[in-house]
Amino acid sequence: MKLVRKAMDKPAPLGGILQKALEASSIDVDLNLHRLWERWADLVGPAIAENARPAAIKGGLLLVHVSSAPWMQQLHYLKDELMEKLNSALGKESVKDVRFKIGPV
């Protein structure tokens, strides 16, 4: 059986092809985490930045490492405000939930 290739009317724009590829891959997730890392201190303020860091983002869940249990409790109370700031900075609703875990900061 021979495969037949359809002729295209006109070439597709490269930007559109790349955007679809990014949306279908985990690269977009990695870029979002990188963007959060870059702007973390500006978005959350110096006190939080000293005691918490984004560790991973997958499927809309952001994992944040915190320095201690009291900070984990404090950030839990600020969770909705943090998600709003982070999504505003990313330009879309990438962060649907945040989980806090004691870990390396």
N, C-alpha and C. Protein backbone atom coordinates (compact mmCIF):
# COMPACT_ATOMS: atom_id res chain seq x y z
N MET A 1 0.83 -1.17 0.00
CA MET A 1 0.00 0.00 0.00
C MET A 1 0.88 1.24 0.00
N LYS A 2 0.64 2.11 -0.91
CA LYS A 2 1.44 3.31 -1.06
C LYS A 2 0.74 4.48 -0.36
N LEU A 3 1.53 5.22 0.44
CA LEU A 3 0.98 6.39 1.12
C LEU A 3 0.99 7.58 0.18
N VAL A 4 -0.10 8.29 0.16
CA VAL A 4 -0.21 9.47 -0.70
C VAL A 4 -0.24 10.70 0.19
N ARG A 5 0.59 11.65 -0.14
CA ARG A 5 0.66 12.88 0.63
C ARG A 5 -0.23 13.93 0.00
N LYS A 6 -1.04 14.60 0.81
CA LYS A 6 -1.90 15.66 0.30
C LYS A 6 -1.07 16.90 0.02
N ALA A 7 -1.42 17.58 -1.03
CA ALA A 7 -0.76 18.84 -1.34
C ALA A 7 -1.36 19.93 -0.46
N MET A 8 -0.52 20.80 0.05
CA MET A 8 -1.00 21.91 0.88
C MET A 8 -1.32 23.09 -0.01
N ASP A 9 -2.37 23.82 0.34
CA ASP A 9 -2.71 25.02 -0.40
C ASP A 9 -1.61 26.07 -0.26
N LYS A 10 -1.17 26.27 0.96
CA LYS A 10 -0.08 27.20 1.22
C LYS A 10 0.66 26.75 2.47
N PRO A 11 1.89 27.13 2.63
CA PRO A 11 2.66 26.71 3.80
C PRO A 11 2.02 27.24 5.10
N ALA A 12 2.11 26.45 6.13
CA ALA A 12 1.59 26.87 7.44
C ALA A 12 2.62 27.76 8.12
N PRO A 13 2.17 28.78 8.85
CA PRO A 13 3.11 29.66 9.56
C PRO A 13 3.88 28.88 10.63
N LEU A 14 5.17 29.09 10.67
CA LEU A 14 6.03 28.38 11.61
C LEU A 14 5.64 28.66 13.06
N GLY A 15 5.25 29.89 13.35
CA GLY A 15 4.85 30.24 14.72
C GLY A 15 3.69 29.40 15.20
N GLY A 16 2.72 29.16 14.34
CA GLY A 16 1.56 28.34 14.70
C GLY A 16 1.95 26.90 14.94
N ILE A 17 2.84 26.39 14.12
CA ILE A 17 3.30 25.01 14.27
C ILE A 17 4.07 24.85 15.59
N LEU A 18 4.95 25.80 15.89
CA LEU A 18 5.73 25.74 17.12
C LEU A 18 4.83 25.86 18.35
N GLN A 19 3.82 26.75 18.28
CA GLN A 19 2.91 26.91 19.41
C GLN A 19 2.17 25.61 19.70
N LYS A 20 1.69 24.94 18.65
CA LYS A 20 0.99 23.66 18.83
C LYS A 20 1.93 22.61 19.42
N ALA A 21 3.18 22.61 18.97
CA ALA A 21 4.15 21.64 19.49
C ALA A 21 4.43 21.90 20.97
N LEU A 22 4.55 23.18 21.36
CA LEU A 22 4.79 23.51 22.77
C LEU A 22 3.61 23.12 23.64
N GLU A 23 2.40 23.36 23.15
CA GLU A 23 1.21 23.03 23.91
C GLU A 23 1.08 21.52 24.11
N ALA A 24 1.57 20.75 23.16
CA ALA A 24 1.45 19.29 23.23
C ALA A 24 2.62 18.64 23.97
N SER A 25 3.57 19.44 24.43
CA SER A 25 4.74 18.85 25.08
C SER A 25 4.90 19.37 26.49
N SER A 26 5.87 18.85 27.18
CA SER A 26 6.16 19.31 28.54
C SER A 26 7.08 20.53 28.53
N ILE A 27 7.51 20.96 27.36
CA ILE A 27 8.40 22.13 27.29
C ILE A 27 7.71 23.34 27.88
N ASP A 28 6.41 23.50 27.61
CA ASP A 28 5.67 24.63 28.13
C ASP A 28 5.69 24.62 29.66
N VAL A 29 5.56 23.45 30.25
CA VAL A 29 5.62 23.31 31.71
C VAL A 29 6.97 23.77 32.21
N ASP A 30 8.05 23.34 31.55
CA ASP A 30 9.39 23.74 31.95
C ASP A 30 9.58 25.24 31.82
N LEU A 31 9.01 25.84 30.77
CA LEU A 31 9.12 27.28 30.58
C LEU A 31 8.36 28.02 31.67
N ASN A 32 7.19 27.52 32.06
CA ASN A 32 6.44 28.15 33.14
C ASN A 32 7.22 28.11 34.45
N LEU A 33 7.83 26.98 34.75
CA LEU A 33 8.62 26.88 35.97
C LEU A 33 9.81 27.83 35.91
N HIS A 34 10.44 27.92 34.77
CA HIS A 34 11.57 28.84 34.61
C HIS A 34 11.11 30.29 34.81
N ARG A 35 9.95 30.64 34.23
CA ARG A 35 9.42 32.00 34.41
C ARG A 35 9.14 32.28 35.88
N LEU A 36 8.59 31.30 36.58
CA LEU A 36 8.32 31.49 38.01
C LEU A 36 9.62 31.67 38.79
N TRP A 37 10.64 30.87 38.46
CA TRP A 37 11.94 30.99 39.13
C TRP A 37 12.51 32.38 38.94
N GLU A 38 12.45 32.88 37.70
CA GLU A 38 13.02 34.19 37.39
C GLU A 38 12.36 35.31 38.18
N ARG A 39 11.05 35.26 38.33
CA ARG A 39 10.30 36.38 38.90
C ARG A 39 9.80 36.11 40.32
N TRP A 40 10.18 34.99 40.91
CA TRP A 40 9.64 34.56 42.20
C TRP A 40 9.74 35.65 43.26
N ALA A 41 10.95 36.20 43.49
CA ALA A 41 11.14 37.20 44.55
C ALA A 41 10.28 38.44 44.31
N ASP A 42 10.18 38.87 43.06
CA ASP A 42 9.35 40.04 42.75
C ASP A 42 7.87 39.76 42.98
N LEU A 43 7.45 38.54 42.68
CA LEU A 43 6.03 38.19 42.80
C LEU A 43 5.59 37.96 44.23
N VAL A 44 6.42 37.31 45.03
CA VAL A 44 6.00 36.93 46.38
C VAL A 44 6.59 37.81 47.48
N GLY A 45 7.58 38.61 47.15
CA GLY A 45 8.22 39.46 48.15
C GLY A 45 9.44 38.79 48.76
N PRO A 46 10.33 39.60 49.34
CA PRO A 46 11.60 39.07 49.83
C PRO A 46 11.47 38.08 51.00
N ALA A 47 10.54 38.31 51.92
CA ALA A 47 10.41 37.41 53.08
C ALA A 47 10.00 36.01 52.64
N ILE A 48 9.00 35.93 51.76
CA ILE A 48 8.56 34.62 51.28
C ILE A 48 9.65 33.99 50.42
N ALA A 49 10.29 34.80 49.57
CA ALA A 49 11.32 34.28 48.66
C ALA A 49 12.48 33.65 49.43
N GLU A 50 12.78 34.17 50.62
CA GLU A 50 13.86 33.60 51.44
C GLU A 50 13.47 32.26 52.05
N ASN A 51 12.17 31.99 52.13
CA ASN A 51 11.69 30.80 52.83
C ASN A 51 10.91 29.82 51.98
N ALA A 52 10.77 30.12 50.69
CA ALA A 52 10.01 29.23 49.80
C ALA A 52 10.51 29.39 48.37
N ARG A 53 10.51 28.28 47.62
CA ARG A 53 10.94 28.27 46.21
C ARG A 53 10.06 27.33 45.42
N PRO A 54 9.73 27.70 44.17
CA PRO A 54 9.01 26.75 43.31
C PRO A 54 9.92 25.57 42.99
N ALA A 55 9.39 24.36 43.13
CA ALA A 55 10.19 23.16 42.90
C ALA A 55 9.80 22.45 41.62
N ALA A 56 8.50 22.42 41.31
CA ALA A 56 8.02 21.71 40.11
C ALA A 56 6.62 22.19 39.78
N ILE A 57 6.27 22.05 38.50
CA ILE A 57 4.91 22.33 38.07
C ILE A 57 4.52 21.25 37.06
N LYS A 58 3.36 20.65 37.29
CA LYS A 58 2.90 19.60 36.39
C LYS A 58 1.38 19.53 36.44
N GLY A 59 0.78 19.58 35.29
CA GLY A 59 -0.68 19.47 35.22
C GLY A 59 -1.40 20.55 36.00
N GLY A 60 -0.81 21.73 36.10
CA GLY A 60 -1.43 22.82 36.83
C GLY A 60 -1.15 22.82 38.32
N LEU A 61 -0.44 21.81 38.81
CA LEU A 61 -0.09 21.73 40.22
C LEU A 61 1.33 22.25 40.42
N LEU A 62 1.46 23.29 41.22
CA LEU A 62 2.76 23.86 41.54
C LEU A 62 3.20 23.34 42.91
N LEU A 63 4.37 22.73 42.95
CA LEU A 63 4.95 22.27 44.21
C LEU A 63 5.95 23.32 44.67
N VAL A 64 5.78 23.79 45.89
CA VAL A 64 6.66 24.81 46.45
C VAL A 64 7.35 24.23 47.68
N HIS A 65 8.68 24.29 47.68
CA HIS A 65 9.44 23.87 48.85
C HIS A 65 9.51 25.04 49.83
N VAL A 66 9.29 24.74 51.10
CA VAL A 66 9.34 25.77 52.14
C VAL A 66 10.37 25.36 53.20
N SER A 67 10.84 26.35 53.95
CA SER A 67 11.92 26.11 54.90
C SER A 67 11.47 25.48 56.21
N SER A 68 10.20 25.67 56.60
CA SER A 68 9.76 25.17 57.91
C SER A 68 8.24 25.00 57.95
N ALA A 69 7.77 24.31 58.99
CA ALA A 69 6.33 24.10 59.16
C ALA A 69 5.57 25.41 59.37
N PRO A 70 6.09 26.36 60.16
CA PRO A 70 5.36 27.63 60.30
C PRO A 70 5.20 28.37 58.96
N TRP A 71 6.24 28.32 58.12
CA TRP A 71 6.12 28.95 56.81
C TRP A 71 5.13 28.20 55.93
N MET A 72 5.10 26.90 56.04
CA MET A 72 4.14 26.12 55.26
C MET A 72 2.71 26.52 55.65
N GLN A 73 2.47 26.69 56.94
CA GLN A 73 1.14 27.10 57.41
C GLN A 73 0.80 28.50 56.91
N GLN A 74 1.73 29.42 57.01
CA GLN A 74 1.51 30.80 56.57
C GLN A 74 1.19 30.84 55.08
N LEU A 75 1.94 30.11 54.28
CA LEU A 75 1.72 30.11 52.84
C LEU A 75 0.41 29.43 52.47
N HIS A 76 0.01 28.47 53.27
CA HIS A 76 -1.28 27.84 53.02
C HIS A 76 -2.40 28.88 53.11
N TYR A 77 -2.31 29.80 54.07
CA TYR A 77 -3.30 30.87 54.20
C TYR A 77 -3.24 31.85 53.04
N LEU A 78 -2.08 32.00 52.44
CA LEU A 78 -1.90 32.94 51.32
C LEU A 78 -2.04 32.28 49.95
N LYS A 79 -2.41 31.03 49.92
CA LYS A 79 -2.42 30.23 48.69
C LYS A 79 -3.21 30.88 47.55
N ASP A 80 -4.43 31.31 47.79
CA ASP A 80 -5.26 31.91 46.73
C ASP A 80 -4.63 33.17 46.18
N GLU A 81 -4.11 34.01 47.07
CA GLU A 81 -3.45 35.25 46.65
C GLU A 81 -2.20 34.94 45.81
N LEU A 82 -1.43 33.95 46.24
CA LEU A 82 -0.23 33.56 45.49
C LEU A 82 -0.59 33.04 44.10
N MET A 83 -1.62 32.19 44.01
CA MET A 83 -2.02 31.65 42.71
C MET A 83 -2.45 32.76 41.77
N GLU A 84 -3.17 33.74 42.29
CA GLU A 84 -3.61 34.87 41.47
C GLU A 84 -2.41 35.65 40.93
N LYS A 85 -1.45 35.94 41.79
CA LYS A 85 -0.25 36.67 41.36
C LYS A 85 0.56 35.88 40.33
N LEU A 86 0.74 34.59 40.58
CA LEU A 86 1.54 33.76 39.68
C LEU A 86 0.88 33.62 38.32
N ASN A 87 -0.42 33.37 38.29
CA ASN A 87 -1.13 33.25 37.01
C ASN A 87 -1.14 34.56 36.25
N SER A 88 -1.25 35.66 36.97
CA SER A 88 -1.20 36.97 36.32
C SER A 88 0.17 37.18 35.66
N ALA A 89 1.23 36.77 36.34
CA ALA A 89 2.58 36.92 35.80
C ALA A 89 2.81 36.02 34.59
N LEU A 90 2.23 34.82 34.61
CA LEU A 90 2.40 33.89 33.49
C LEU A 90 1.51 34.24 32.31
N GLY A 91 0.51 35.07 32.54
CA GLY A 91 -0.37 35.48 31.45
C GLY A 91 -1.46 34.49 31.12
N LYS A 92 -1.59 33.44 31.91
CA LYS A 92 -2.65 32.46 31.72
C LYS A 92 -2.79 31.66 33.01
N GLU A 93 -3.85 30.89 33.11
CA GLU A 93 -4.08 30.13 34.34
C GLU A 93 -3.32 28.81 34.29
N SER A 94 -2.02 28.89 34.47
CA SER A 94 -1.17 27.71 34.47
C SER A 94 -1.16 27.01 35.82
N VAL A 95 -1.30 27.81 36.88
CA VAL A 95 -1.28 27.26 38.23
C VAL A 95 -2.72 27.10 38.72
N LYS A 96 -3.16 25.86 38.82
CA LYS A 96 -4.53 25.57 39.27
C LYS A 96 -4.57 25.20 40.75
N ASP A 97 -3.44 24.76 41.29
CA ASP A 97 -3.35 24.41 42.70
C ASP A 97 -1.89 24.53 43.14
N VAL A 98 -1.69 24.77 44.41
CA VAL A 98 -0.34 24.87 44.98
C VAL A 98 -0.25 23.94 46.18
N ARG A 99 0.80 23.17 46.22
CA ARG A 99 1.08 22.29 47.37
C ARG A 99 2.41 22.73 47.96
N PHE A 100 2.46 22.74 49.26
CA PHE A 100 3.66 23.15 49.97
C PHE A 100 4.27 21.94 50.66
N LYS A 101 5.60 21.87 50.61
CA LYS A 101 6.33 20.74 51.19
C LYS A 101 7.64 21.27 51.78
N ILE A 102 7.99 20.80 52.93
CA ILE A 102 9.28 21.20 53.51
C ILE A 102 10.38 20.56 52.67
N GLY A 103 11.29 21.40 52.19
CA GLY A 103 12.34 20.92 51.31
C GLY A 103 13.41 21.98 51.12
N PRO A 104 14.37 21.72 50.24
CA PRO A 104 15.47 22.68 50.03
C PRO A 104 14.96 23.98 49.43
N VAL A 105 15.42 25.08 50.02
CA VAL A 105 14.99 26.41 49.56
C VAL A 105 16.15 27.13 48.94
